PDB file of N, CA and C in Angstrom:
ATOM      1  N   MET A   1      40.156 -26.126-131.621  1.00  0.00           N
ATOM      2  CA  MET A   1      41.413 -26.849-131.617  1.00  0.00           C
ATOM      3  C   MET A   1      41.244 -28.141-130.809  1.00  0.00           C
ATOM      4  N   PRO A   2      41.855 -29.213-131.293  1.00  0.00           N
ATOM      5  CA  PRO A   2      41.768 -30.476-130.553  1.00  0.00           C
ATOM      6  C   PRO A   2      42.591 -30.420-129.268  1.00  0.00           C
ATOM      7  N   THR A   3      42.156 -31.193-128.298  1.00  0.00           N
ATOM      8  CA  THR A   3      42.902 -31.310-127.048  1.00  0.00           C
ATOM      9  C   THR A   3      44.128 -32.187-127.278  1.00  0.00           C
ATOM     10  N   GLU A   4      45.048 -32.170-126.337  1.00  0.00           N
ATOM     11  CA  GLU A   4      46.245 -33.025-126.446  1.00  0.00           C
ATOM     12  C   GLU A   4      45.840 -34.498-126.522  1.00  0.00           C
ATOM     13  N   GLU A   5      44.828 -34.886-125.753  1.00  0.00           N
ATOM     14  CA  GLU A   5      44.349 -36.279-125.778  1.00  0.00           C
ATOM     15  C   GLU A   5      43.803 -36.641-127.165  1.00  0.00           C
ATOM     16  N   GLU A   6      43.065 -35.730-127.775  1.00  0.00           N
ATOM     17  CA  GLU A   6      42.533 -35.978-129.115  1.00  0.00           C
ATOM     18  C   GLU A   6      43.654 -36.077-130.154  1.00  0.00           C
ATOM     19  N   ILE A   7      44.676 -35.273-129.996  1.00  0.00           N
ATOM     20  CA  ILE A   7      45.823 -35.334-130.911  1.00  0.00           C
ATOM     21  C   ILE A   7      46.509 -36.690-130.808  1.00  0.00           C
ATOM     22  N   VAL A   8      46.697 -37.161-129.587  1.00  0.00           N
ATOM     23  CA  VAL A   8      47.338 -38.464-129.368  1.00  0.00           C
ATOM     24  C   VAL A   8      46.462 -39.577-129.953  1.00  0.00           C
ATOM     25  N   ARG A   9      45.163 -39.509-129.736  1.00  0.00           N
ATOM     26  CA  ARG A   9      44.253 -40.524-130.300  1.00  0.00           C
ATOM     27  C   ARG A   9      44.289 -40.502-131.825  1.00  0.00           C
ATOM     28  N   GLY A  10      44.374 -39.309-132.398  1.00  0.00           N
ATOM     29  CA  GLY A  10      44.457 -39.192-133.854  1.00  0.00           C
ATOM     30  C   GLY A  10      45.727 -39.810-134.398  1.00  0.00           C
ATOM     31  N   ARG A  11      46.848 -39.545-133.743  1.00  0.00           N
ATOM     32  CA  ARG A  11      48.118 -40.145-134.172  1.00  0.00           C
ATOM     33  C   ARG A  11      48.052 -41.660-134.094  1.00  0.00           C
ATOM     34  N   ASP A  12      47.456 -42.156-133.013  1.00  0.00           N
ATOM     35  CA  ASP A  12      47.316 -43.606-132.837  1.00  0.00           C
ATOM     36  C   ASP A  12      46.431 -44.193-133.931  1.00  0.00           C
ATOM     37  N   LEU A  13      45.349 -43.503-134.247  1.00  0.00           N
ATOM     38  CA  LEU A  13      44.442 -43.968-135.289  1.00  0.00           C
ATOM     39  C   LEU A  13      45.168 -44.092-136.624  1.00  0.00           C
ATOM     40  N   TYR A  14      45.857 -43.033-137.034  1.00  0.00           N
ATOM     41  CA  TYR A  14      46.561 -43.070-138.317  1.00  0.00           C
ATOM     42  C   TYR A  14      47.667 -44.139-138.320  1.00  0.00           C
ATOM     43  N   ALA A  15      48.406 -44.252-137.233  1.00  0.00           N
ATOM     44  CA  ALA A  15      49.477 -45.254-137.169  1.00  0.00           C
ATOM     45  C   ALA A  15      48.914 -46.665-137.294  1.00  0.00           C
ATOM     46  N   ASN A  16      47.799 -46.917-136.622  1.00  0.00           N
ATOM     47  CA  ASN A  16      47.207 -48.258-136.689  1.00  0.00           C
ATOM     48  C   ASN A  16      46.563 -48.537-138.035  1.00  0.00           C
ATOM     49  N   LEU A  17      45.939 -47.545-138.636  1.00  0.00           N
ATOM     50  CA  LEU A  17      45.402 -47.757-139.979  1.00  0.00           C
ATOM     51  C   LEU A  17      46.531 -48.044-140.965  1.00  0.00           C
ATOM     52  N   ASP A  18      47.632 -47.305-140.853  1.00  0.00           N
ATOM     53  CA  ASP A  18      48.780 -47.571-141.726  1.00  0.00           C
ATOM     54  C   ASP A  18      49.319 -48.984-141.508  1.00  0.00           C
ATOM     55  N   ARG A  19      49.366 -49.415-140.251  1.00  0.00           N
ATOM     56  CA  ARG A  19      49.852 -50.769-139.939  1.00  0.00           C
ATOM     57  C   ARG A  19      48.920 -51.822-140.533  1.00  0.00           C
ATOM     58  N   ILE A  20      47.628 -51.617-140.399  1.00  0.00           N
ATOM     59  CA  ILE A  20      46.652 -52.592-140.891  1.00  0.00           C
ATOM     60  C   ILE A  20      46.664 -52.651-142.416  1.00  0.00           C
ATOM     61  N   ILE A  21      46.673 -51.505-143.052  1.00  0.00           N
ATOM     62  CA  ILE A  21      46.673 -51.467-144.514  1.00  0.00           C
ATOM     63  C   ILE A  21      47.992 -52.002-145.050  1.00  0.00           C
ATOM     64  N   GLY A  22      49.075 -51.661-144.392  1.00  0.00           N
ATOM     65  CA  GLY A  22      50.390 -52.204-144.731  1.00  0.00           C
ATOM     66  C   GLY A  22      50.795 -51.963-146.167  1.00  0.00           C
ATOM     67  N   MET A  23      51.448 -52.951-146.735  1.00  0.00           N
ATOM     68  CA  MET A  23      51.985 -52.838-148.086  1.00  0.00           C
ATOM     69  C   MET A  23      50.932 -53.074-149.169  1.00  0.00           C
ATOM     70  N   SER A  24      49.726 -53.434-148.788  1.00  0.00           N
ATOM     71  CA  SER A  24      48.708 -53.721-149.800  1.00  0.00           C
ATOM     72  C   SER A  24      47.802 -52.527-150.086  1.00  0.00           C
ATOM     73  N   GLY A  25      48.188 -51.358-149.614  1.00  0.00           N
ATOM     74  CA  GLY A  25      47.389 -50.172-149.869  1.00  0.00           C
ATOM     75  C   GLY A  25      48.185 -48.922-149.576  1.00  0.00           C
ATOM     76  N   ILE A  26      47.535 -47.783-149.756  1.00  0.00           N
ATOM     77  CA  ILE A  26      48.210 -46.509-149.548  1.00  0.00           C
ATOM     78  C   ILE A  26      47.235 -45.492-148.976  1.00  0.00           C
ATOM     79  N   TYR A  27      47.729 -44.711-148.021  1.00  0.00           N
ATOM     80  CA  TYR A  27      46.965 -43.588-147.504  1.00  0.00           C
ATOM     81  C   TYR A  27      46.991 -42.503-148.571  1.00  0.00           C
ATOM     82  N   ALA A  28      45.834 -41.954-148.927  1.00  0.00           N
ATOM     83  CA  ALA A  28      45.776 -40.952-149.994  1.00  0.00           C
ATOM     84  C   ALA A  28      45.534 -39.544-149.468  1.00  0.00           C
ATOM     85  N   MET A  29      44.604 -39.376-148.542  1.00  0.00           N
ATOM     86  CA  MET A  29      44.323 -38.040-148.018  1.00  0.00           C
ATOM     87  C   MET A  29      43.313 -38.120-146.890  1.00  0.00           C
ATOM     88  N   SER A  30      43.161 -36.996-146.199  1.00  0.00           N
ATOM     89  CA  SER A  30      42.108 -36.820-145.206  1.00  0.00           C
ATOM     90  C   SER A  30      41.374 -35.527-145.527  1.00  0.00           C
ATOM     91  N   ARG A  31      40.079 -35.539-145.298  1.00  0.00           N
ATOM     92  CA  ARG A  31      39.253 -34.342-145.468  1.00  0.00           C
ATOM     93  C   ARG A  31      38.506 -34.108-144.162  1.00  0.00           C
ATOM     94  N   THR A  32      38.531 -32.877-143.689  1.00  0.00           N
ATOM     95  CA  THR A  32      37.836 -32.526-142.468  1.00  0.00           C
ATOM     96  C   THR A  32      36.722 -31.546-142.809  1.00  0.00           C
ATOM     97  N   GLY A  33      35.550 -31.776-142.281  1.00  0.00           N
ATOM     98  CA  GLY A  33      34.424 -30.886-142.504  1.00  0.00           C
ATOM     99  C   GLY A  33      33.128 -31.516-142.083  1.00  0.00           C
ATOM    100  N   ASP A  34      32.108 -30.697-141.950  1.00  0.00           N
ATOM    101  CA  ASP A  34      30.779 -31.170-141.541  1.00  0.00           C
ATOM    102  C   ASP A  34      30.829 -31.972-140.244  1.00  0.00           C
ATOM    103  N   GLY A  35      31.709 -31.564-139.343  1.00  0.00           N
ATOM    104  CA  GLY A  35      31.792 -32.210-138.034  1.00  0.00           C
ATOM    105  C   GLY A  35      32.485 -33.553-138.022  1.00  0.00           C
ATOM    106  N   GLY A  36      33.205 -33.884-139.065  1.00  0.00           N
ATOM    107  CA  GLY A  36      33.877 -35.179-139.099  1.00  0.00           C
ATOM    108  C   GLY A  36      35.110 -35.160-139.972  1.00  0.00           C
ATOM    109  N   ARG A  37      35.722 -36.296-140.083  1.00  0.00           N
ATOM    110  CA  ARG A  37      36.906 -36.460-140.912  1.00  0.00           C
ATOM    111  C   ARG A  37      36.738 -37.687-141.773  1.00  0.00           C
ATOM    112  N   THR A  38      37.094 -37.554-143.030  1.00  0.00           N
ATOM    113  CA  THR A  38      37.082 -38.678-143.960  1.00  0.00           C
ATOM    114  C   THR A  38      38.518 -38.996-144.307  1.00  0.00           C
ATOM    115  N   ILE A  39      38.895 -40.247-144.101  1.00  0.00           N
ATOM    116  CA  ILE A  39      40.254 -40.707-144.379  1.00  0.00           C
ATOM    117  C   ILE A  39      40.174 -41.642-145.576  1.00  0.00           C
ATOM    118  N   TYR A  40      40.971 -41.357-146.586  1.00  0.00           N
ATOM    119  CA  TYR A  40      40.952 -42.140-147.820  1.00  0.00           C
ATOM    120  C   TYR A  40      42.182 -43.031-147.904  1.00  0.00           C
ATOM    121  N   TYR A  41      41.925 -44.328-148.046  1.00  0.00           N
ATOM    122  CA  TYR A  41      42.970 -45.303-148.333  1.00  0.00           C
ATOM    123  C   TYR A  41      42.586 -45.999-149.622  1.00  0.00           C
ATOM    124  N   TYR A  42      43.544 -46.253-150.456  1.00  0.00           N
ATOM    125  CA  TYR A  42      43.310 -47.048-151.667  1.00  0.00           C
ATOM    126  C   TYR A  42      43.979 -48.395-151.452  1.00  0.00           C
ATOM    127  N   VAL A  43      43.183 -49.456-151.571  1.00  0.00           N
ATOM    128  CA  VAL A  43      43.672 -50.814-151.328  1.00  0.00           C
ATOM    129  C   VAL A  43      43.242 -51.723-152.471  1.00  0.00           C
ATOM    130  N   ALA A  44      44.011 -52.779-152.665  1.00  0.00           N
ATOM    131  CA  ALA A  44      43.701 -53.735-153.725  1.00  0.00           C
ATOM    132  C   ALA A  44      42.496 -54.599-153.354  1.00  0.00           C
ATOM    133  N   SER A  45      42.390 -54.970-152.085  1.00  0.00           N
ATOM    134  CA  SER A  45      41.334 -55.882-151.654  1.00  0.00           C
ATOM    135  C   SER A  45      40.794 -55.451-150.285  1.00  0.00           C
ATOM    136  N   PRO A  46      39.738 -54.637-150.243  1.00  0.00           N
ATOM    137  CA  PRO A  46      39.206 -54.162-148.961  1.00  0.00           C
ATOM    138  C   PRO A  46      38.824 -55.289-148.003  1.00  0.00           C
ATOM    139  N   GLU A  47      38.309 -56.384-148.561  1.00  0.00           N
ATOM    140  CA  GLU A  47      37.880 -57.495-147.698  1.00  0.00           C
ATOM    141  C   GLU A  47      39.018 -58.057-146.858  1.00  0.00           C
ATOM    142  N   SER A  48      40.232 -57.989-147.364  1.00  0.00           N
ATOM    143  CA  SER A  48      41.358 -58.582-146.644  1.00  0.00           C
ATOM    144  C   SER A  48      41.713 -57.794-145.382  1.00  0.00           C
ATOM    145  N   HIS A  49      41.172 -56.591-145.214  1.00  0.00           N
ATOM    146  CA  HIS A  49      41.481 -55.762-144.049  1.00  0.00           C
ATOM    147  C   HIS A  49      40.324 -55.693-143.054  1.00  0.00           C
ATOM    148  N   ALA A  50      39.173 -56.209-143.426  1.00  0.00           N
ATOM    149  CA  ALA A  50      37.963 -56.038-142.624  1.00  0.00           C
ATOM    150  C   ALA A  50      38.114 -56.550-141.199  1.00  0.00           C
ATOM    151  N   GLU A  51      38.626 -57.736-141.016  1.00  0.00           N
ATOM    152  CA  GLU A  51      38.733 -58.312-139.669  1.00  0.00           C
ATOM    153  C   GLU A  51      39.727 -57.545-138.809  1.00  0.00           C
ATOM    154  N   ALA A  52      40.864 -57.171-139.365  1.00  0.00           N
ATOM    155  CA  ALA A  52      41.856 -56.411-138.601  1.00  0.00           C
ATOM    156  C   ALA A  52      41.301 -55.041-138.212  1.00  0.00           C
ATOM    157  N   LEU A  53      40.567 -54.401-139.101  1.00  0.00           N
ATOM    158  CA  LEU A  53      39.947 -53.113-138.775  1.00  0.00           C
ATOM    159  C   LEU A  53      38.918 -53.284-137.666  1.00  0.00           C
ATOM    160  N   ARG A  54      38.097 -54.304-137.771  1.00  0.00           N
ATOM    161  CA  ARG A  54      37.086 -54.578-136.745  1.00  0.00           C
ATOM    162  C   ARG A  54      37.745 -54.802-135.391  1.00  0.00           C
ATOM    163  N   GLN A  55      38.796 -55.597-135.351  1.00  0.00           N
ATOM    164  CA  GLN A  55      39.501 -55.862-134.094  1.00  0.00           C
ATOM    165  C   GLN A  55      40.105 -54.589-133.514  1.00  0.00           C
ATOM    166  N   TYR A  56      40.714 -53.779-134.369  1.00  0.00           N
ATOM    167  CA  TYR A  56      41.312 -52.535-133.884  1.00  0.00           C
ATOM    168  C   TYR A  56      40.249 -51.624-133.276  1.00  0.00           C
ATOM    169  N   PHE A  57      39.161 -51.367-134.003  1.00  0.00           N
ATOM    170  CA  PHE A  57      38.143 -50.449-133.492  1.00  0.00           C
ATOM    171  C   PHE A  57      37.426 -51.006-132.271  1.00  0.00           C
ATOM    172  N   ASP A  58      37.343 -52.308-132.141  1.00  0.00           N
ATOM    173  CA  ASP A  58      36.776 -52.912-130.931  1.00  0.00           C
ATOM    174  C   ASP A  58      37.702 -52.749-129.733  1.00  0.00           C
ATOM    175  N   SER A  59      38.990 -52.511-129.967  1.00  0.00           N
ATOM    176  CA  SER A  59      39.971 -52.451-128.883  1.00  0.00           C
ATOM    177  C   SER A  59      40.215 -51.044-128.344  1.00  0.00           C
ATOM    178  N   VAL A  60      39.676 -50.013-128.992  1.00  0.00           N
ATOM    179  CA  VAL A  60      39.928 -48.633-128.556  1.00  0.00           C
ATOM    180  C   VAL A  60      38.669 -48.025-127.947  1.00  0.00           C
ATOM    181  N   LEU A  61      38.857 -46.878-127.296  1.00  0.00           N
ATOM    182  CA  LEU A  61      37.706 -46.164-126.767  1.00  0.00           C
ATOM    183  C   LEU A  61      36.715 -45.906-127.895  1.00  0.00           C
ATOM    184  N   PRO A  62      35.440 -45.950-127.587  1.00  0.00           N
ATOM    185  CA  PRO A  62      34.431 -45.795-128.647  1.00  0.00           C
ATOM    186  C   PRO A  62      34.563 -44.467-129.406  1.00  0.00           C
ATOM    187  N   ILE A  63      34.515 -44.581-130.709  1.00  0.00           N
ATOM    188  CA  ILE A  63      34.429 -43.430-131.601  1.00  0.00           C
ATOM    189  C   ILE A  63      33.465 -43.805-132.721  1.00  0.00           C
ATOM    190  N   SER A  64      32.905 -42.811-133.334  1.00  0.00           N
ATOM    191  CA  SER A  64      31.980 -43.068-134.433  1.00  0.00           C
ATOM    192  C   SER A  64      32.787 -43.273-135.707  1.00  0.00           C
ATOM    193  N   VAL A  65      32.661 -44.467-136.296  1.00  0.00           N
ATOM    194  CA  VAL A  65      33.418 -44.803-137.503  1.00  0.00           C
ATOM    195  C   VAL A  65      32.468 -45.429-138.509  1.00  0.00           C
ATOM    196  N   LYS A  66      32.610 -44.996-139.737  1.00  0.00           N
ATOM    197  CA  LYS A  66      31.844 -45.578-140.834  1.00  0.00           C
ATOM    198  C   LYS A  66      32.848 -45.936-141.913  1.00  0.00           C
ATOM    199  N   VAL A  67      32.908 -47.198-142.285  1.00  0.00           N
ATOM    200  CA  VAL A  67      33.830 -47.653-143.320  1.00  0.00           C
ATOM    201  C   VAL A  67      33.024 -47.915-144.580  1.00  0.00           C
ATOM    202  N   ILE A  68      33.449 -47.283-145.655  1.00  0.00           N
ATOM    203  CA  ILE A  68      32.779 -47.449-146.939  1.00  0.00           C
ATOM    204  C   ILE A  68      33.810 -47.921-147.948  1.00  0.00           C
ATOM    205  N   THR A  69      33.455 -48.935-148.700  1.00  0.00           N
ATOM    206  CA  THR A  69      34.337 -49.375-149.780  1.00  0.00           C
ATOM    207  C   THR A  69      33.634 -49.142-151.103  1.00  0.00           C
ATOM    208  N   ARG A  70      34.415 -48.732-152.062  1.00  0.00           N
ATOM    209  CA  ARG A  70      33.879 -48.586-153.413  1.00  0.00           C
ATOM    210  C   ARG A  70      35.014 -48.699-154.404  1.00  0.00           C
ATOM    211  N   ASN A  71      34.671 -49.088-155.587  1.00  0.00           N
ATOM    212  CA  ASN A  71      35.641 -49.242-156.657  1.00  0.00           C
ATOM    213  C   ASN A  71      35.950 -47.850-157.220  1.00  0.00           C
ATOM    214  N   ASP A  72      37.222 -47.451-157.185  1.00  0.00           N
ATOM    215  CA  ASP A  72      37.628 -46.136-157.678  1.00  0.00           C
ATOM    216  C   ASP A  72      39.010 -46.240-158.325  1.00  0.00           C
ATOM    217  N   PRO A  73      39.120 -47.032-159.401  1.00  0.00           N
ATOM    218  CA  PRO A  73      40.435 -47.251-160.014  1.00  0.00           C
ATOM    219  C   PRO A  73      41.044 -45.994-160.621  1.00  0.00           C
ATOM    220  N   GLU A  74      40.232 -44.987-160.896  1.00  0.00           N
ATOM    221  CA  GLU A  74      40.749 -43.738-161.471  1.00  0.00           C
ATOM    222  C   GLU A  74      41.069 -42.699-160.396  1.00  0.00           C
ATOM    223  N   TRP A  75      40.923 -43.070-159.130  1.00  0.00           N
ATOM    224  CA  TRP A  75      41.187 -42.172-158.007  1.00  0.00           C
ATOM    225  C   TRP A  75      40.342 -40.911-158.120  1.00  0.00           C
ATOM    226  N   SER A  76      39.086 -41.053-158.460  1.00  0.00           N
ATOM    227  CA  SER A  76      38.188 -39.924-158.687  1.00  0.00           C
ATOM    228  C   SER A  76      38.029 -39.028-157.461  1.00  0.00           C
ATOM    229  N   SER A  77      37.964 -39.623-156.284  1.00  0.00           N
ATOM    230  CA  SER A  77      37.816 -38.823-155.063  1.00  0.00           C
ATOM    231  C   SER A  77      39.003 -37.894-154.866  1.00  0.00           C
ATOM    232  N   ILE A  78      40.180 -38.387-155.130  1.00  0.00           N
ATOM    233  CA  ILE A  78      41.396 -37.578-154.981  1.00  0.00           C
ATOM    234  C   ILE A  78      41.424 -36.501-156.050  1.00  0.00           C
ATOM    235  N   ARG A  79      41.111 -36.874-157.268  1.00  0.00           N
ATOM    236  CA  ARG A  79      41.111 -35.901-158.367  1.00  0.00           C
ATOM    237  C   ARG A  79      40.124 -34.769-158.117  1.00  0.00           C
ATOM    238  N   GLU A  80      38.975 -35.099-157.554  1.00  0.00           N
ATOM    239  CA  GLU A  80      37.963 -34.089-157.245  1.00  0.00           C
ATOM    240  C   GLU A  80      38.541 -33.039-156.280  1.00  0.00           C
ATOM    241  N   VAL A  81      39.196 -33.489-155.243  1.00  0.00           N
ATOM    242  CA  VAL A  81      39.790 -32.564-154.269  1.00  0.00           C
ATOM    243  C   VAL A  81      40.896 -31.747-154.912  1.00  0.00           C
ATOM    244  N   LEU A  82      41.764 -32.404-155.655  1.00  0.00           N
ATOM    245  CA  LEU A  82      42.871 -31.682-156.300  1.00  0.00           C
ATOM    246  C   LEU A  82      42.353 -30.631-157.281  1.00  0.00           C
ATOM    247  N   ASN A  83      41.288 -30.934-157.991  1.00  0.00           N
ATOM    248  CA  ASN A  83      40.717 -29.956-158.916  1.00  0.00           C
ATOM    249  C   ASN A  83      40.159 -28.732-158.186  1.00  0.00           C
ATOM    250  N   GLU A  84      39.657 -28.925-156.973  1.00  0.00           N
ATOM    251  CA  GLU A  84      39.151 -27.815-156.178  1.00  0.00           C
ATOM    252  C   GLU A  84      40.275 -26.928-155.652  1.00  0.00           C
ATOM    253  N   VAL A  85      41.456 -27.504-155.449  1.00  0.00           N
ATOM    254  CA  VAL A  85      42.600 -26.762-154.922  1.00  0.00           C
ATOM    255  C   VAL A  85      43.262 -25.943-156.015  1.00  0.00           C
ATOM    256  N   ASN A  86      43.321 -26.481-157.215  1.00  0.00           N
ATOM    257  CA  ASN A  86      44.016 -25.791-158.316  1.00  0.00           C
ATOM    258  C   ASN A  86      43.247 -24.617-158.829  1.00  0.00           C
TER     259      ASN A  86
END
């Protein structure tokens, strides 16, 4: 179970990602496993968020973050998870 401090950091992370992505994207899901968490956002233009994301992660306590962008107009990652649940 996460500590209270980790819960607060997680809430802050999600709130700031939502603020940065804003109206030009949408939070789709989170997956936890293999010692980490993958957070999925679908955005029209990933490049337009790069600097704000960099500034945010530079301003918080160090955490391991890997940002990957890829073209997924059919929402394949989400469909894959939903198919596993059904």
